[in-house]
Amino acid sequence: MKPTPFQPTFRRVALAHLLAAAALASAGALVAERPGADRPSAAQPSVAPPTTAEHEAAVAWCRIRTLRQEIGLTNHDLAAMACTQGQAEAALSALKAWHAANATALVQTAETLRQARRALKAAQQAIHVGPRDEALIARLPR
């Protein structure tokens, strides 16, 4: 019998089953090799919620990462500038020090920017939905 596109040959099916079995076996081996795999799951330590200091450190890290992306100090950008590891570390430590000194101003500026964007979006929606209002159109930035 000639196989159709809907009926794969026996070799394809056997190969698919063999690959699936190998994948399951390797996944089982990885789980078995995991440290603490011999302990029951009830004996695993519970994860405590982060402390306030840990939370603030994580938020600061995310803000610094975003700032790096915005000003072009990602790893790729530093490599494109042919920075040595020492120069890259110095630039990033200077950025971290600047962030520590100006964190509140940065948050306030970001909030002001978000509010301005919301106001712009609301004005644009009012222009596109409602009747033509020349006073509203004059307030939009050029």
C-alpha atoms as a PDB file:
ATOM      1  CA  MET A   1       0.000   0.000   0.000  1.00  0.00           C
ATOM      2  CA  LYS A   2       1.351   3.406  -0.984  1.00  0.00           C
ATOM      3  CA  PRO A   3       1.411   5.939   1.923  1.00  0.00           C
ATOM      4  CA  THR A   4      -0.562   9.149   1.562  1.00  0.00           C
ATOM      5  CA  PRO A   5       0.359  12.496   3.125  1.00  0.00           C
ATOM      6  CA  PHE A   6      -2.068  11.643   5.927  1.00  0.00           C
ATOM      7  CA  GLN A   7      -0.613   8.174   6.511  1.00  0.00           C
ATOM      8  CA  PRO A   8       3.140   8.388   7.185  1.00  0.00           C
ATOM      9  CA  THR A   9       5.271   5.376   6.463  1.00  0.00           C
ATOM     10  CA  PHE A  10       6.029   2.922   9.225  1.00  0.00           C
ATOM     11  CA  ARG A  11       9.655   4.074   9.292  1.00  0.00           C
ATOM     12  CA  ARG A  12       8.620   7.675  10.027  1.00  0.00           C
ATOM     13  CA  VAL A  13       6.279   6.612  12.806  1.00  0.00           C
ATOM     14  CA  ALA A  14       8.879   4.309  14.332  1.00  0.00           C
ATOM     15  CA  LEU A  15      11.508   7.045  14.157  1.00  0.00           C
ATOM     16  CA  ALA A  16       9.140   9.541  15.796  1.00  0.00           C
ATOM     17  CA  HIS A  17       8.389   7.097  18.633  1.00  0.00           C
ATOM     18  CA  LEU A  18      12.087   6.371  19.084  1.00  0.00           C
ATOM     19  CA  LEU A  19      12.938  10.092  19.292  1.00  0.00           C
ATOM     20  CA  ALA A  20      10.101  10.724  21.758  1.00  0.00           C
ATOM     21  CA  ALA A  21      11.254   7.861  23.974  1.00  0.00           C
ATOM     22  CA  ALA A  22      14.839   9.152  23.901  1.00  0.00           C
ATOM     23  CA  ALA A  23      13.684  12.647  24.820  1.00  0.00           C
ATOM     24  CA  LEU A  24      11.639  11.352  27.739  1.00  0.00           C
ATOM     25  CA  ALA A  25      14.515   9.184  28.942  1.00  0.00           C
ATOM     26  CA  SER A  26      16.978  12.079  28.820  1.00  0.00           C
ATOM     27  CA  ALA A  27      14.515  14.354  30.639  1.00  0.00           C
ATOM     28  CA  GLY A  28      14.095  11.695  33.310  1.00  0.00           C
ATOM     29  CA  ALA A  29      17.862  11.400  33.644  1.00  0.00           C
ATOM     30  CA  LEU A  30      18.203  15.168  34.035  1.00  0.00           C
ATOM     31  CA  VAL A  31      15.578  15.198  36.770  1.00  0.00           C
ATOM     32  CA  ALA A  32      17.294  12.289  38.518  1.00  0.00           C
ATOM     33  CA  GLU A  33      20.677  14.069  38.406  1.00  0.00           C
ATOM     34  CA  ARG A  34      19.256  17.279  39.872  1.00  0.00           C
ATOM     35  CA  PRO A  35      20.647  18.042  43.337  1.00  0.00           C
ATOM     36  CA  GLY A  36      18.160  17.088  45.993  1.00  0.00           C
ATOM     37  CA  ALA A  37      16.145  14.894  43.616  1.00  0.00           C
ATOM     38  CA  ASP A  38      16.212  12.055  46.144  1.00  0.00           C
ATOM     39  CA  ARG A  39      14.377  14.209  48.710  1.00  0.00           C
ATOM     40  CA  PRO A  40      10.609  14.216  48.625  1.00  0.00           C
ATOM     41  CA  SER A  41       8.961  17.427  47.472  1.00  0.00           C
ATOM     42  CA  ALA A  42       7.467  18.050  50.930  1.00  0.00           C
ATOM     43  CA  ALA A  43      10.995  18.309  52.388  1.00  0.00           C
ATOM     44  CA  GLN A  44      12.013  21.034  49.924  1.00  0.00           C
ATOM     45  CA  PRO A  45      12.555  24.387  51.636  1.00  0.00           C
ATOM     46  CA  SER A  46       9.932  27.001  51.013  1.00  0.00           C
ATOM     47  CA  VAL A  47      10.872  30.214  49.281  1.00  0.00           C
ATOM     48  CA  ALA A  48      10.557  33.236  51.535  1.00  0.00           C
ATOM     49  CA  PRO A  49       9.215  36.473  50.049  1.00  0.00           C
ATOM     50  CA  PRO A  50      11.893  39.032  49.238  1.00  0.00           C
ATOM     51  CA  THR A  51      12.770  41.587  51.857  1.00  0.00           C
ATOM     52  CA  THR A  52      12.275  45.300  51.230  1.00  0.00           C
ATOM     53  CA  ALA A  53      15.997  45.776  50.570  1.00  0.00           C
ATOM     54  CA  GLU A  54      16.019  42.902  48.047  1.00  0.00           C
ATOM     55  CA  HIS A  55      12.961  44.340  46.324  1.00  0.00           C
ATOM     56  CA  GLU A  56      14.504  47.816  46.102  1.00  0.00           C
ATOM     57  CA  ALA A  57      17.753  46.343  44.758  1.00  0.00           C
ATOM     58  CA  ALA A  58      15.827  44.447  42.074  1.00  0.00           C
ATOM     59  CA  VAL A  59      13.884  47.569  41.079  1.00  0.00           C
ATOM     60  CA  ALA A  60      17.123  49.596  40.912  1.00  0.00           C
ATOM     61  CA  TRP A  61      18.738  46.880  38.783  1.00  0.00           C
ATOM     62  CA  CYS A  62      15.789  46.972  36.340  1.00  0.00           C
ATOM     63  CA  ARG A  63      15.942  50.766  36.119  1.00  0.00           C
ATOM     64  CA  ILE A  64      19.690  50.693  35.463  1.00  0.00           C
ATOM     65  CA  ARG A  65      19.175  48.033  32.768  1.00  0.00           C
ATOM     66  CA  THR A  66      16.513  50.204  31.104  1.00  0.00           C
ATOM     67  CA  LEU A  67      18.741  53.261  31.371  1.00  0.00           C
ATOM     68  CA  ARG A  68      21.620  51.334  29.773  1.00  0.00           C
ATOM     69  CA  GLN A  69      19.392  50.424  26.844  1.00  0.00           C
ATOM     70  CA  GLU A  70      18.130  53.986  26.436  1.00  0.00           C
ATOM     71  CA  ILE A  71      21.556  55.649  26.416  1.00  0.00           C
ATOM     72  CA  GLY A  72      23.339  52.954  24.423  1.00  0.00           C
ATOM     73  CA  LEU A  73      25.512  51.289  27.036  1.00  0.00           C
ATOM     74  CA  THR A  74      24.472  47.705  26.408  1.00  0.00           C
ATOM     75  CA  ASN A  75      27.154  45.040  26.159  1.00  0.00           C
ATOM     76  CA  HIS A  76      26.889  45.157  22.366  1.00  0.00           C
ATOM     77  CA  ASP A  77      27.320  48.937  22.329  1.00  0.00           C
ATOM     78  CA  LEU A  78      30.311  48.805  24.674  1.00  0.00           C
ATOM     79  CA  ALA A  79      31.919  46.179  22.450  1.00  0.00           C
ATOM     80  CA  ALA A  80      31.237  48.314  19.354  1.00  0.00           C
ATOM     81  CA  MET A  81      33.058  51.199  21.061  1.00  0.00           C
ATOM     82  CA  ALA A  82      36.037  48.840  21.525  1.00  0.00           C
ATOM     83  CA  CYS A  83      35.958  49.225  25.298  1.00  0.00           C
ATOM     84  CA  THR A  84      38.222  46.991  27.294  1.00  0.00           C
ATOM     85  CA  GLN A  85      36.723  45.154  30.238  1.00  0.00           C
ATOM     86  CA  GLY A  86      38.153  47.741  32.612  1.00  0.00           C
ATOM     87  CA  GLN A  87      36.721  50.650  30.619  1.00  0.00           C
ATOM     88  CA  ALA A  88      33.316  48.962  30.424  1.00  0.00           C
ATOM     89  CA  GLU A  89      33.346  48.318  34.172  1.00  0.00           C
ATOM     90  CA  ALA A  90      34.309  51.947  34.828  1.00  0.00           C
ATOM     91  CA  ALA A  91      31.500  53.227  32.573  1.00  0.00           C
ATOM     92  CA  LEU A  92      28.942  50.965  34.205  1.00  0.00           C
ATOM     93  CA  SER A  93      30.089  51.836  37.721  1.00  0.00           C
ATOM     94  CA  ALA A  94      29.815  55.542  36.828  1.00  0.00           C
ATOM     95  CA  LEU A  95      26.294  54.891  35.528  1.00  0.00           C
ATOM     96  CA  LYS A  96      25.416  53.048  38.736  1.00  0.00           C
ATOM     97  CA  ALA A  97      26.782  55.915  40.858  1.00  0.00           C
ATOM     98  CA  TRP A  98      24.847  58.462  38.775  1.00  0.00           C
ATOM     99  CA  HIS A  99      21.681  56.401  39.198  1.00  0.00           C
ATOM    100  CA  ALA A 100      22.172  56.217  42.961  1.00  0.00           C
ATOM    101  CA  ALA A 101      22.534  60.001  43.130  1.00  0.00           C
ATOM    102  CA  ASN A 102      19.645  60.818  40.770  1.00  0.00           C
ATOM    103  CA  ALA A 103      17.165  57.970  41.273  1.00  0.00           C
ATOM    104  CA  THR A 104      14.338  60.154  42.605  1.00  0.00           C
ATOM    105  CA  ALA A 105      14.736  62.749  39.846  1.00  0.00           C
ATOM    106  CA  LEU A 106      14.764  59.958  37.251  1.00  0.00           C
ATOM    107  CA  VAL A 107      11.541  58.472  38.639  1.00  0.00           C
ATOM    108  CA  GLN A 108       9.857  61.895  38.684  1.00  0.00           C
ATOM    109  CA  THR A 109      10.969  62.637  35.120  1.00  0.00           C
ATOM    110  CA  ALA A 110       9.703  59.243  33.946  1.00  0.00           C
ATOM    111  CA  GLU A 111       6.337  59.879  35.628  1.00  0.00           C
ATOM    112  CA  THR A 112       6.095  63.325  34.026  1.00  0.00           C
ATOM    113  CA  LEU A 113       6.873  61.765  30.649  1.00  0.00           C
ATOM    114  CA  ARG A 114       4.191  59.093  31.168  1.00  0.00           C
ATOM    115  CA  GLN A 115       1.622  61.764  32.043  1.00  0.00           C
ATOM    116  CA  ALA A 116       2.537  63.814  28.966  1.00  0.00           C
ATOM    117  CA  ARG A 117       2.216  60.741  26.749  1.00  0.00           C
ATOM    118  CA  ARG A 118      -1.192  59.929  28.273  1.00  0.00           C
ATOM    119  CA  ALA A 119      -2.361  63.510  27.682  1.00  0.00           C
ATOM    120  CA  LEU A 120      -1.109  63.404  24.085  1.00  0.00           C
ATOM    121  CA  LYS A 121      -2.860  60.099  23.458  1.00  0.00           C
ATOM    122  CA  ALA A 122      -6.106  61.422  24.947  1.00  0.00           C
ATOM    123  CA  ALA A 123      -5.916  64.560  22.783  1.00  0.00           C
ATOM    124  CA  GLN A 124      -5.224  62.503  19.672  1.00  0.00           C
ATOM    125  CA  GLN A 125      -8.177  60.219  20.429  1.00  0.00           C
ATOM    126  CA  ALA A 126     -10.435  63.234  20.964  1.00  0.00           C
ATOM    127  CA  ILE A 127      -9.332  64.670  17.623  1.00  0.00           C
ATOM    128  CA  HIS A 128      -9.880  61.429  15.731  1.00  0.00           C
ATOM    129  CA  VAL A 129     -13.223  60.589  17.342  1.00  0.00           C
ATOM    130  CA  GLY A 130     -15.019  63.874  17.989  1.00  0.00           C
ATOM    131  CA  PRO A 131     -15.831  66.917  15.912  1.00  0.00           C
ATOM    132  CA  ARG A 132     -12.987  69.127  14.717  1.00  0.00           C
ATOM    133  CA  ASP A 133     -11.830  71.375  17.575  1.00  0.00           C
ATOM    134  CA  GLU A 134      -9.209  73.905  16.494  1.00  0.00           C
ATOM    135  CA  ALA A 135      -8.283  74.779  20.107  1.00  0.00           C
ATOM    136  CA  LEU A 136      -7.515  71.116  20.814  1.00  0.00           C
ATOM    137  CA  ILE A 137      -5.504  70.755  17.612  1.00  0.00           C
ATOM    138  CA  ALA A 138      -3.481  73.883  18.494  1.00  0.00           C
ATOM    139  CA  ARG A 139      -2.428  72.301  21.832  1.00  0.00           C
ATOM    140  CA  LEU A 140      -0.763  69.328  20.143  1.00  0.00           C
ATOM    141  CA  PRO A 141       3.034  69.460  19.880  1.00  0.00           C
ATOM    142  CA  ARG A 142       4.447  69.994  16.417  1.00  0.00           C
END
